[in-house]
Amino acid sequence: MDHPLLTEDIGVYFLDMDTAVNEQINLNEDGSFSIFINARLNWERQMIAYYHALKHILNNDFNKTCADDIENAM
């Protein structure tokens, strides 16, 4: 199966973060991604944060320069 989300190139980690932060995504040096989801969120909000992070990856947002344009497009 060749699906961009079924890959070892995306790691998902749960961390206690400030409650103002839902998730954080890092583009790693090897081209893989790390998604950090706030462990303090309830399950539903964690899933929303995960989906939001995946949209950034699928939209190739890491090659764009304006954060406001990226968020407004979502």
Protein backbone atom coordinates (compact mmCIF):
# COMPACT_ATOMS: atom_id res chain seq x y z
CA MET A 1 0.00 0.00 0.00
CA ASP A 2 1.49 3.34 -1.06
CA HIS A 3 -0.21 5.94 1.12
CA PRO A 4 1.65 9.05 2.37
CA LEU A 5 0.30 8.66 5.90
CA LEU A 6 1.15 4.96 6.28
CA THR A 7 4.84 5.48 6.70
CA GLU A 8 7.57 5.31 9.29
CA ASP A 9 8.46 8.87 8.28
CA ILE A 10 5.93 10.28 10.76
CA GLY A 11 6.46 9.73 14.47
CA VAL A 12 3.74 10.64 16.95
CA TYR A 13 4.56 11.46 20.55
CA PHE A 14 2.45 12.59 23.50
CA LEU A 15 3.95 15.18 25.84
CA ASP A 16 2.63 17.33 28.66
CA MET A 17 2.64 20.84 27.21
CA ASP A 18 1.20 24.21 28.10
CA THR A 19 -2.57 24.02 27.66
CA ALA A 20 -2.40 26.76 25.01
CA VAL A 21 -0.48 24.35 22.73
CA ASN A 22 -2.40 21.55 21.00
CA GLU A 23 0.40 20.11 18.89
CA GLN A 24 3.79 20.83 17.44
CA ILE A 25 5.31 19.42 14.26
CA ASN A 26 8.99 19.19 13.49
CA LEU A 27 10.54 18.50 10.11
CA ASN A 28 13.57 16.38 10.99
CA GLU A 29 16.95 16.51 9.26
CA ASP A 30 16.30 13.16 7.55
CA GLY A 31 13.04 14.41 5.99
CA SER A 32 10.80 12.62 8.47
CA PHE A 33 8.30 14.39 10.72
CA SER A 34 7.71 14.31 14.46
CA ILE A 35 4.24 15.22 15.70
CA PHE A 36 4.07 16.13 19.38
CA ILE A 37 0.52 16.10 20.76
CA ASN A 38 -0.39 17.62 24.10
CA ALA A 39 -1.08 14.74 26.49
CA ARG A 40 -3.17 17.06 28.67
CA LEU A 41 -5.89 17.32 26.02
CA ASN A 42 -8.85 14.97 26.05
CA TRP A 43 -8.98 12.24 23.39
CA GLU A 44 -11.23 14.22 21.05
CA ARG A 45 -8.98 17.29 21.10
CA GLN A 46 -5.93 15.08 20.61
CA MET A 47 -7.50 13.62 17.47
CA ILE A 48 -8.31 17.11 16.18
CA ALA A 49 -4.72 18.19 16.87
CA TYR A 50 -3.40 15.08 15.08
CA TYR A 51 -5.58 15.75 12.03
CA HIS A 52 -4.46 19.39 12.00
CA ALA A 53 -0.80 18.30 12.07
CA LEU A 54 -1.35 15.80 9.24
CA LYS A 55 -2.94 18.50 7.09
CA HIS A 56 0.21 20.61 7.48
CA ILE A 57 2.33 17.67 6.35
CA LEU A 58 0.09 16.79 3.40
CA ASN A 59 -0.11 20.45 2.31
CA ASN A 60 3.69 20.65 2.29
CA ASP A 61 3.48 23.65 4.61
CA PHE A 62 7.09 23.31 5.70
CA ASN A 63 8.18 24.75 2.36
CA LYS A 64 6.00 27.85 2.77
CA THR A 65 7.07 31.08 4.43
CA CYS A 66 3.99 32.83 5.84
CA ALA A 67 2.44 31.15 8.89
CA ASP A 68 -0.69 33.31 8.69
CA ASP A 69 -1.34 32.25 5.09
CA ILE A 70 -0.88 28.59 6.06
CA GLU A 71 -3.31 28.74 9.00
CA ASN A 72 -5.90 30.78 7.10
CA ALA A 73 -5.88 28.25 4.24
CA MET A 74 -6.78 25.45 6.64
